[in-house]
Amino acid sequence: MILKSFIDLIARLGQSLAEAGWHTGAVRFVSTLAILLCVVLFAWGLYWLTRAILSRVLRMVSSRYKNKVGELLLRRHVVRYTSYLVLCLIFNAAVPAIFEEFPAWIGPLRKLLVAGILFFLVRVITGILWCMVDYQSEYGQNRQRSFKGVVQFATIILYFLGGIVFLSILLDKSPLVFIGGLGAASAVLMLIFKDSILGLVAGAQLSYNDIVRIGDWITMSKFGADGTVIDITLTTVKVRNFDLTITTIPAYNLISDSVQNWRSMSDSGHRRIQRALNIDVTTIRFCTPDFFEALGKARALEAFIKPYLATVNAGQAKSEGEDSRKPFGGLTNVFLFRRYVEFYLRHHPQIETDPKYTLMVRQLAMSDYGLPIQVYCFTRTSVWVSYESVQADVFDHLLAMAPVFGLAVFERTAQTDLRSQGVLPLIGKPDGD
């Protein structure tokens, strides 16, 4: 209303100047220039007023309700583009009044302003969508899920539709004409947007099937990826490997190829130990009463060996006078060692003993490296550093305890060892000889 009053006032002043004898062309030019200046000042003032009010309201809401949405809207410049949108709307409404004396200019100027309105409207909508992505990734309850790929695709579609609408306005044709014409170019469009389309399908499947989230530890040997997912976009997934390098994987390959996700292990708070000790088969012996007696003197084995000692004492009472070096009960030192390893694991504070987590000590098939005694159990932590520490502590203890049971861990003999023992001849002479 205020702007219309100023325009009417300028029009009356121009009419008065024309009646006073001014040249008609000069009066029209001066009037148009004055109206244009008036509209520019009014629109610019309204732009700053709108921007200041919206910014202040969003900051007040954010500070009062502890809500970060206002800050995110400001960060994504939604307020700025909204103000530009208001500015374009004002000029679009004022163009007929400004260029009333120059009607040929009205059509082209309004088309340009419509283009501006469409552009800033799309920027406002996409800005709001990206604010939702920012809020979900920074403050959402489920921050691991990423909708960035979907928003990227929606942004492309919005700009694409905005361009079609602008062309339809510019050429005075229906948008359906351009959309229909795209059918003939569908093959070219499929080729151009192939990665985007595959990425959108893959992103939807990744989200719906919950295959990969931000923060997951994944392994894909094909791409040399072994680390944490740090970003999921429309076409790619970024993985920060443990050596701090970045591997970029096409999103579609996470659907078409095999990917190992360690999330379940991390969420369970447990991690598997599956490692074997190779026992030298030449050190495997039957147990004798003397052997049991020697084991019983070891304080570390006191709780473990008591049941076996009771059986040994009962057997000795029945067979006094026999050679104590004879086998007793058919037990072997490797059998006792396996039972001791299981006993040790079940009493270890960092090894899970819940029945749903398998704990066993088993023999594997004998090989050229001896008899493998495998430890299969789960730790009570899934943190990498803590897990490695627990695993090392377990095998440090087992390596130290194997000789107590008369067992030796197999170790391949090096050629230098054979030469030092005179099995192989020395090649050359030592320096100084």
Protein backbone atom coordinates (compact mmCIF):
# COMPACT_ATOMS: atom_id res chain seq x y z
CA MET A 1 0.00 0.00 0.00
CA ILE A 2 2.83 2.44 0.88
CA LEU A 3 4.68 1.62 -2.34
CA LYS A 4 1.53 2.16 -4.43
CA SER A 5 1.00 5.56 -2.77
CA PHE A 6 4.56 6.63 -3.70
CA ILE A 7 4.07 5.45 -7.29
CA ASP A 8 0.79 7.38 -7.58
CA LEU A 9 2.47 10.47 -6.15
CA ILE A 10 5.32 10.27 -8.69
CA ALA A 11 2.78 9.77 -11.50
CA ARG A 12 0.88 12.92 -10.46
CA LEU A 13 4.14 14.90 -10.25
CA GLY A 14 5.03 13.75 -13.78
CA GLN A 15 1.64 14.81 -15.05
CA SER A 16 2.09 18.23 -13.44
CA LEU A 17 5.49 18.62 -15.14
CA ALA A 18 3.96 17.70 -18.49
CA GLU A 19 1.22 20.28 -17.99
CA ALA A 20 3.91 22.82 -17.10
CA GLY A 21 5.42 22.43 -20.58
CA TRP A 22 8.09 19.74 -20.06
CA HIS A 23 8.86 17.46 -22.97
CA THR A 24 6.73 14.31 -22.83
CA GLY A 25 9.67 11.91 -23.38
CA ALA A 26 11.72 13.57 -20.63
CA VAL A 27 8.78 13.42 -18.21
CA ARG A 28 8.26 9.71 -18.92
CA PHE A 29 11.96 8.96 -18.43
CA VAL A 30 12.23 10.94 -15.19
CA SER A 31 9.01 9.40 -13.82
CA THR A 32 10.13 5.88 -14.63
CA LEU A 33 13.56 6.50 -13.09
CA ALA A 34 12.00 7.95 -9.93
CA ILE A 35 9.57 5.03 -9.59
CA LEU A 36 12.41 2.55 -10.13
CA LEU A 37 14.56 4.26 -7.49
CA CYS A 38 11.62 4.28 -5.08
CA VAL A 39 10.94 0.57 -5.62
CA VAL A 40 14.65 -0.32 -5.26
CA LEU A 41 14.94 1.54 -1.96
CA PHE A 42 11.70 0.07 -0.65
CA ALA A 43 12.63 -3.49 -1.69
CA TRP A 44 16.16 -3.21 -0.34
CA GLY A 45 14.88 -1.93 2.98
CA LEU A 46 12.31 -4.71 3.17
CA TYR A 47 15.05 -7.24 2.31
CA TRP A 48 17.24 -6.18 5.24
CA LEU A 49 14.24 -5.95 7.54
CA THR A 50 13.10 -9.48 6.64
CA ARG A 51 16.59 -10.87 7.04
CA ALA A 52 17.14 -9.16 10.40
CA ILE A 53 13.77 -10.27 11.79
CA LEU A 54 14.12 -13.90 10.67
CA SER A 55 17.71 -14.14 11.94
CA ARG A 56 16.78 -12.69 15.32
CA VAL A 57 13.73 -14.93 15.69
CA LEU A 58 15.74 -18.07 14.85
CA ARG A 59 18.51 -17.18 17.30
CA MET A 60 15.97 -16.49 20.05
CA VAL A 61 14.22 -19.82 19.43
CA SER A 62 17.56 -21.67 19.44
CA SER A 63 18.72 -20.09 22.71
CA ARG A 64 15.38 -20.40 24.51
CA TYR A 65 14.41 -23.94 23.58
CA LYS A 66 17.96 -25.34 23.28
CA ASN A 67 17.16 -26.21 19.69
CA LYS A 68 19.89 -26.07 17.04
CA VAL A 69 17.54 -25.87 14.05
CA GLY A 70 17.80 -22.08 13.91
CA GLU A 71 21.59 -22.21 13.82
CA LEU A 72 21.50 -24.80 11.05
CA LEU A 73 19.10 -22.67 8.98
CA LEU A 74 21.45 -19.72 9.34
CA ARG A 75 24.45 -21.88 8.47
CA ARG A 76 22.77 -23.07 5.27
CA HIS A 77 21.84 -19.42 4.35
CA VAL A 78 18.13 -20.23 4.25
CA VAL A 79 17.31 -16.81 5.72
CA ARG A 80 19.42 -15.01 3.10
CA TYR A 81 17.78 -16.82 0.19
CA THR A 82 14.34 -16.25 1.69
CA SER A 83 15.10 -12.53 1.77
CA TYR A 84 16.24 -12.64 -1.86
CA LEU A 85 13.02 -14.43 -2.71
CA VAL A 86 11.00 -11.65 -1.07
CA LEU A 87 13.06 -9.07 -3.01
CA CYS A 88 12.31 -10.78 -6.34
CA LEU A 89 8.61 -11.05 -5.52
CA ILE A 90 8.44 -7.31 -4.77
CA PHE A 91 10.16 -6.38 -8.04
CA ASN A 92 7.97 -8.80 -9.98
CA ALA A 93 4.85 -7.17 -8.58
CA ALA A 94 6.17 -3.65 -9.19
CA VAL A 95 7.46 -4.10 -12.76
CA PRO A 96 4.14 -3.18 -14.47
CA ALA A 97 3.92 0.05 -12.46
CA ILE A 98 7.60 0.95 -12.93
CA PHE A 99 7.68 0.45 -16.70
CA GLU A 100 4.15 1.52 -17.46
CA GLU A 101 5.52 3.99 -19.98
CA PHE A 102 7.77 1.32 -21.55
CA PRO A 103 5.50 -1.75 -21.95
CA ALA A 104 7.97 -3.56 -24.22
CA TRP A 105 10.31 -4.00 -21.26
CA ILE A 106 7.76 -5.57 -18.93
CA GLY A 107 7.67 -9.06 -20.49
CA PRO A 108 11.45 -9.77 -20.59
CA LEU A 109 12.00 -8.28 -17.12
CA ARG A 110 9.23 -10.37 -15.58
CA LYS A 111 10.68 -13.51 -17.15
CA LEU A 112 14.08 -12.74 -15.61
CA LEU A 113 12.47 -12.10 -12.25
CA VAL A 114 10.53 -15.37 -12.48
CA ALA A 115 13.85 -17.13 -13.10
CA GLY A 116 15.20 -15.48 -9.95
CA ILE A 117 12.10 -16.49 -7.98
CA LEU A 118 12.44 -20.10 -9.12
CA PHE A 119 16.16 -20.18 -8.33
CA PHE A 120 15.82 -18.76 -4.82
CA LEU A 121 12.75 -20.90 -4.10
CA VAL A 122 14.74 -24.02 -5.01
CA ARG A 123 17.65 -22.80 -2.86
CA VAL A 124 15.32 -22.31 0.11
CA ILE A 125 13.79 -25.79 -0.27
CA THR A 126 17.15 -27.54 -0.74
CA GLY A 127 18.60 -25.52 2.15
CA ILE A 128 15.84 -26.84 4.43
CA LEU A 129 16.49 -30.40 3.21
CA TRP A 130 20.21 -30.08 3.93
CA CYS A 131 19.40 -28.66 7.36
CA MET A 132 17.49 -31.87 8.05
CA VAL A 133 20.57 -33.87 7.02
CA ASP A 134 22.81 -31.73 9.27
CA TYR A 135 20.44 -32.08 12.21
CA GLN A 136 20.18 -35.82 11.79
CA SER A 137 23.97 -36.28 11.54
CA GLU A 138 24.85 -33.93 14.42
CA TYR A 139 21.95 -34.06 16.87
CA GLY A 140 19.70 -36.93 15.77
CA GLN A 141 19.17 -40.03 17.89
CA ASN A 142 20.40 -42.27 15.08
CA ARG A 143 23.34 -40.34 13.72
CA GLN A 144 24.87 -43.33 11.94
CA ARG A 145 22.18 -43.44 9.27
CA SER A 146 22.90 -41.12 6.38
CA PHE A 147 20.25 -39.63 4.09
CA LYS A 148 22.74 -37.47 2.24
CA GLY A 149 22.44 -39.51 -0.96
CA VAL A 150 18.66 -39.13 -1.05
CA VAL A 151 18.90 -35.38 -0.44
CA GLN A 152 21.55 -35.05 -3.15
CA PHE A 153 19.27 -36.79 -5.62
CA ALA A 154 16.29 -34.65 -4.52
CA THR A 155 18.44 -31.53 -5.06
CA ILE A 156 19.24 -32.62 -8.62
CA ILE A 157 15.57 -33.29 -9.34
CA LEU A 158 14.49 -29.90 -7.94
CA TYR A 159 17.01 -28.01 -10.06
CA PHE A 160 16.04 -30.08 -13.07
CA LEU A 161 12.32 -29.33 -12.63
CA GLY A 162 13.07 -25.67 -11.93
CA GLY A 163 14.99 -25.46 -15.21
CA ILE A 164 12.08 -27.00 -17.12
CA VAL A 165 9.61 -24.54 -15.59
CA PHE A 166 11.92 -21.61 -16.41
CA LEU A 167 12.27 -22.72 -20.04
CA SER A 168 8.51 -23.13 -20.34
CA ILE A 169 8.00 -19.56 -19.07
CA LEU A 170 10.80 -18.18 -21.23
CA LEU A 171 9.46 -19.82 -24.42
CA ASP A 172 5.75 -19.56 -23.51
CA LYS A 173 5.24 -23.31 -23.78
CA SER A 174 3.77 -25.90 -21.45
CA PRO A 175 6.25 -27.79 -19.21
CA LEU A 176 4.70 -31.02 -20.51
CA VAL A 177 6.20 -30.26 -23.92
CA PHE A 178 9.72 -30.35 -22.48
CA ILE A 179 9.01 -33.35 -20.28
CA GLY A 180 7.61 -35.23 -23.28
CA GLY A 181 10.64 -34.31 -25.32
CA LEU A 182 12.86 -35.91 -22.71
CA GLY A 183 11.57 -39.31 -23.77
CA ALA A 184 13.56 -39.09 -26.99
CA ALA A 185 16.71 -38.25 -25.01
CA SER A 186 16.14 -40.87 -22.29
CA ALA A 187 19.09 -43.00 -23.45
CA VAL A 188 21.44 -40.01 -23.20
CA LEU A 189 20.01 -39.06 -19.80
CA MET A 190 20.45 -42.62 -18.53
CA LEU A 191 24.07 -42.50 -19.60
CA ILE A 192 24.67 -39.10 -17.97
CA PHE A 193 22.89 -39.92 -14.70
CA LYS A 194 23.85 -43.60 -14.55
CA ASP A 195 25.97 -43.23 -11.41
CA SER A 196 23.34 -41.05 -9.75
CA ILE A 197 20.54 -43.52 -10.49
CA LEU A 198 22.59 -46.51 -9.34
CA GLY A 199 23.69 -44.52 -6.30
CA LEU A 200 20.10 -43.62 -5.43
CA VAL A 201 19.01 -47.26 -5.67
CA ALA A 202 22.04 -48.36 -3.64
CA GLY A 203 21.46 -45.62 -1.05
CA ALA A 204 17.85 -46.68 -0.60
CA GLN A 205 18.88 -50.32 -0.19
CA LEU A 206 21.71 -49.45 2.19
CA SER A 207 19.30 -47.46 4.35
CA TYR A 208 16.34 -49.86 4.16
CA ASN A 209 18.39 -53.02 4.78
CA ASP A 210 20.67 -51.21 7.28
CA ILE A 211 23.76 -52.60 5.56
CA VAL A 212 26.20 -49.79 6.30
CA ARG A 213 26.06 -46.79 8.62
CA ILE A 214 28.45 -43.96 9.31
CA GLY A 215 30.86 -45.14 11.98
CA ASP A 216 30.76 -48.83 10.96
CA TRP A 217 33.98 -50.77 10.60
CA ILE A 218 33.84 -52.51 7.21
CA THR A 219 36.26 -54.59 5.16
CA MET A 220 36.26 -54.83 1.35
CA SER A 221 39.45 -56.48 0.15
CA LYS A 222 38.56 -55.81 -3.49
CA PHE A 223 38.95 -52.05 -2.93
CA GLY A 224 41.62 -52.27 -0.24
CA ALA A 225 39.19 -50.85 2.32
CA ASP A 226 39.56 -51.79 5.97
CA GLY A 227 38.40 -49.08 8.33
CA THR A 228 35.57 -46.84 9.46
CA VAL A 229 32.84 -45.40 7.22
CA ILE A 230 33.02 -41.60 7.48
CA ASP A 231 30.65 -40.47 4.71
CA ILE A 232 27.84 -41.88 2.56
CA THR A 233 26.84 -39.79 -0.47
CA LEU A 234 24.70 -40.31 -3.55
CA THR A 235 27.39 -42.14 -5.50
CA THR A 236 30.24 -42.98 -3.10
CA VAL A 237 31.04 -44.28 0.37
CA LYS A 238 34.22 -43.00 2.04
CA VAL A 239 36.17 -45.29 4.35
CA ARG A 240 38.99 -44.08 6.58
CA ASN A 241 41.40 -46.99 6.81
CA PHE A 242 43.39 -47.78 9.93
CA ASP A 243 46.53 -46.37 8.30
CA LEU A 244 44.59 -43.03 8.00
CA THR A 245 44.24 -43.27 4.23
CA ILE A 246 40.85 -42.72 2.58
CA THR A 247 39.28 -45.30 0.27
CA THR A 248 36.34 -44.22 -1.91
CA ILE A 249 33.95 -47.01 -2.89
CA PRO A 250 31.06 -46.66 -5.38
CA ALA A 251 27.85 -46.98 -3.37
CA TYR A 252 26.44 -49.56 -5.76
CA ASN A 253 29.36 -51.91 -5.08
CA LEU A 254 28.29 -52.24 -1.46
CA ILE A 255 25.12 -53.88 -2.81
CA SER A 256 26.56 -55.90 -5.69
CA ASP A 257 29.77 -57.07 -3.95
CA SER A 258 30.50 -58.71 -0.61
CA VAL A 259 31.19 -56.36 2.29
CA GLN A 260 32.18 -57.46 5.80
CA ASN A 261 30.61 -55.28 8.47
CA TRP A 262 31.97 -55.57 12.02
CA ARG A 263 29.10 -53.59 13.61
CA SER A 264 27.51 -56.63 15.24
CA MET A 265 30.80 -57.51 16.92
CA SER A 266 31.27 -53.94 18.16
CA ASP A 267 27.69 -53.70 19.45
CA SER A 268 27.97 -57.04 21.29
CA GLY A 269 30.97 -55.83 23.31
CA HIS A 270 32.77 -59.13 22.60
CA ARG A 271 35.41 -60.22 20.11
CA ARG A 272 36.60 -63.66 19.12
CA ILE A 273 40.02 -65.16 19.79
CA GLN A 274 40.81 -67.97 17.36
CA ARG A 275 44.49 -68.82 17.47
CA ALA A 276 46.51 -72.03 17.78
CA LEU A 277 49.71 -73.18 19.46
CA ASN A 278 51.67 -75.74 17.44
CA ILE A 279 52.95 -78.44 19.79
CA ASP A 280 56.08 -80.43 18.91
CA VAL A 281 54.75 -84.00 18.67
CA THR A 282 58.06 -85.46 19.92
CA THR A 283 57.32 -83.97 23.35
CA ILE A 284 53.92 -85.65 23.79
CA ARG A 285 54.10 -88.29 26.58
CA PHE A 286 51.88 -90.45 28.76
CA CYS A 287 51.48 -89.13 32.27
CA THR A 288 53.09 -90.99 35.17
CA PRO A 289 52.49 -90.66 38.92
CA ASP A 290 55.82 -88.86 39.24
CA PHE A 291 54.67 -86.39 36.59
CA PHE A 292 51.44 -85.73 38.51
CA GLU A 293 53.40 -85.27 41.71
CA ALA A 294 55.66 -82.71 40.04
CA LEU A 295 52.64 -80.83 38.69
CA GLY A 296 51.02 -80.84 42.12
CA LYS A 297 53.98 -78.93 43.57
CA ALA A 298 53.35 -76.01 41.21
CA ARG A 299 51.26 -73.47 43.12
CA ALA A 300 49.76 -72.07 39.90
CA LEU A 301 48.36 -75.54 39.11
CA GLU A 302 47.13 -76.39 42.59
CA ALA A 303 43.40 -75.74 41.94
CA PHE A 304 43.53 -77.42 38.55
CA ILE A 305 45.49 -80.57 39.44
CA LYS A 306 43.66 -81.54 42.67
CA PRO A 307 41.04 -83.80 41.01
CA TYR A 308 43.70 -85.57 39.01
CA LEU A 309 45.96 -86.00 42.05
CA ALA A 310 43.13 -87.70 43.93
CA THR A 311 42.76 -90.18 41.10
CA VAL A 312 46.53 -90.72 40.96
CA ASN A 313 46.76 -91.42 44.71
CA ALA A 314 43.94 -93.94 44.48
CA GLY A 315 45.69 -95.69 41.60
CA GLN A 316 49.00 -95.78 43.41
CA ALA A 317 47.38 -97.44 46.42
CA LYS A 318 46.19 -100.27 44.19
CA SER A 319 49.48 -100.73 42.37
CA GLU A 320 52.24 -100.31 44.96
CA GLY A 321 55.54 -101.70 43.96
CA GLU A 322 55.04 -101.05 40.25
CA ASP A 323 57.35 -98.78 38.29
CA SER A 324 56.18 -95.18 38.84
CA ARG A 325 57.35 -94.29 35.38
CA LYS A 326 54.65 -96.40 33.75
CA PRO A 327 51.65 -94.65 32.13
CA PHE A 328 48.84 -93.94 34.51
CA GLY A 329 45.23 -93.97 33.35
CA GLY A 330 46.11 -93.49 29.70
CA LEU A 331 46.36 -89.70 30.17
CA THR A 332 48.84 -87.67 28.14
CA ASN A 333 50.53 -84.41 28.93
CA VAL A 334 48.88 -82.76 25.93
CA PHE A 335 45.46 -83.89 27.25
CA LEU A 336 46.21 -82.27 30.61
CA PHE A 337 47.50 -79.17 28.86
CA ARG A 338 44.25 -78.81 26.88
CA ARG A 339 42.22 -79.21 30.05
CA TYR A 340 44.41 -76.68 31.82
CA VAL A 341 44.02 -74.14 28.99
CA GLU A 342 40.24 -74.44 29.22
CA PHE A 343 40.42 -74.15 33.03
CA TYR A 344 42.59 -71.04 32.70
CA LEU A 345 40.26 -69.40 30.16
CA ARG A 346 37.16 -70.03 32.30
CA HIS A 347 38.82 -68.28 35.23
CA HIS A 348 40.25 -65.38 33.23
CA PRO A 349 38.44 -62.11 34.13
CA GLN A 350 38.48 -60.85 30.53
CA ILE A 351 37.21 -64.03 28.84
CA GLU A 352 33.44 -64.45 28.42
CA THR A 353 32.06 -67.66 29.97
CA ASP A 354 28.40 -67.18 29.07
CA PRO A 355 27.19 -70.39 27.31
CA LYS A 356 25.97 -68.47 24.26
CA TYR A 357 29.60 -67.51 23.54
CA THR A 358 31.56 -70.60 22.53
CA LEU A 359 34.59 -71.41 24.65
CA MET A 360 36.63 -74.47 23.73
CA VAL A 361 40.17 -75.75 23.31
CA ARG A 362 40.49 -78.23 20.48
CA GLN A 363 42.99 -80.16 18.40
CA LEU A 364 43.27 -79.40 14.71
CA ALA A 365 44.63 -81.71 12.05
CA MET A 366 48.32 -82.35 12.50
CA SER A 367 50.59 -80.70 9.93
CA ASP A 368 54.26 -80.24 9.16
CA TYR A 369 54.32 -77.66 11.93
CA GLY A 370 53.24 -80.03 14.70
CA LEU A 371 49.94 -80.56 16.49
CA PRO A 372 47.82 -77.35 16.58
CA ILE A 373 46.00 -76.74 19.88
CA GLN A 374 43.47 -74.03 19.06
CA VAL A 375 41.98 -71.57 21.53
CA TYR A 376 38.46 -70.49 20.58
CA CYS A 377 36.76 -68.00 22.91
CA PHE A 378 35.44 -64.44 23.17
CA THR A 379 36.83 -61.52 25.12
CA ARG A 380 34.64 -59.21 27.20
CA THR A 381 35.67 -56.21 25.18
CA SER A 382 35.48 -55.32 21.50
CA VAL A 383 37.88 -52.36 21.73
CA TRP A 384 40.78 -53.16 19.46
CA VAL A 385 43.63 -52.15 21.79
CA SER A 386 42.10 -53.90 24.83
CA TYR A 387 41.32 -57.00 22.78
CA GLU A 388 44.90 -57.31 21.53
CA SER A 389 46.17 -56.88 25.09
CA VAL A 390 43.91 -59.66 26.41
CA GLN A 391 44.88 -61.99 23.56
CA ALA A 392 48.58 -61.35 24.12
CA ASP A 393 48.24 -61.97 27.88
CA VAL A 394 46.51 -65.29 27.25
CA PHE A 395 49.13 -66.61 24.86
CA ASP A 396 52.03 -65.27 26.90
CA HIS A 397 50.76 -67.40 29.76
CA LEU A 398 50.17 -70.48 27.61
CA LEU A 399 53.61 -70.28 26.03
CA ALA A 400 55.15 -70.11 29.48
CA MET A 401 53.02 -72.99 30.82
CA ALA A 402 53.62 -75.45 27.97
CA PRO A 403 57.09 -76.51 29.26
CA VAL A 404 55.56 -77.14 32.72
CA PHE A 405 53.53 -79.93 31.09
CA GLY A 406 56.63 -81.24 29.34
CA LEU A 407 55.56 -79.80 25.99
CA ALA A 408 57.55 -77.75 23.51
CA VAL A 409 56.07 -75.30 21.06
CA PHE A 410 57.08 -76.18 17.51
CA GLU A 411 59.52 -73.78 15.89
CA ARG A 412 60.99 -74.32 12.45
CA THR A 413 64.75 -74.80 12.62
CA ALA A 414 66.70 -72.22 10.67
CA GLN A 415 69.71 -73.17 8.52
CA THR A 416 72.02 -71.15 10.79
CA ASP A 417 70.92 -73.30 13.74
CA LEU A 418 71.63 -76.49 11.80
CA ARG A 419 75.09 -75.24 10.82
CA SER A 420 75.89 -74.26 14.40
CA GLN A 421 74.98 -77.83 15.45
CA GLY A 422 77.18 -79.34 12.73
CA VAL A 423 74.22 -80.78 10.79
CA LEU A 424 74.97 -78.62 7.73
CA PRO A 425 78.49 -77.65 6.59
CA LEU A 426 79.59 -74.04 6.99
CA ILE A 427 79.74 -72.06 3.75
CA GLY A 428 82.86 -69.89 3.63
CA LYS A 429 84.95 -68.95 6.63
CA PRO A 430 84.31 -66.41 9.37
CA ASP A 431 86.14 -63.08 9.10
CA GLY A 432 89.65 -63.23 10.53
CA ASP A 433 90.28 -66.94 9.90
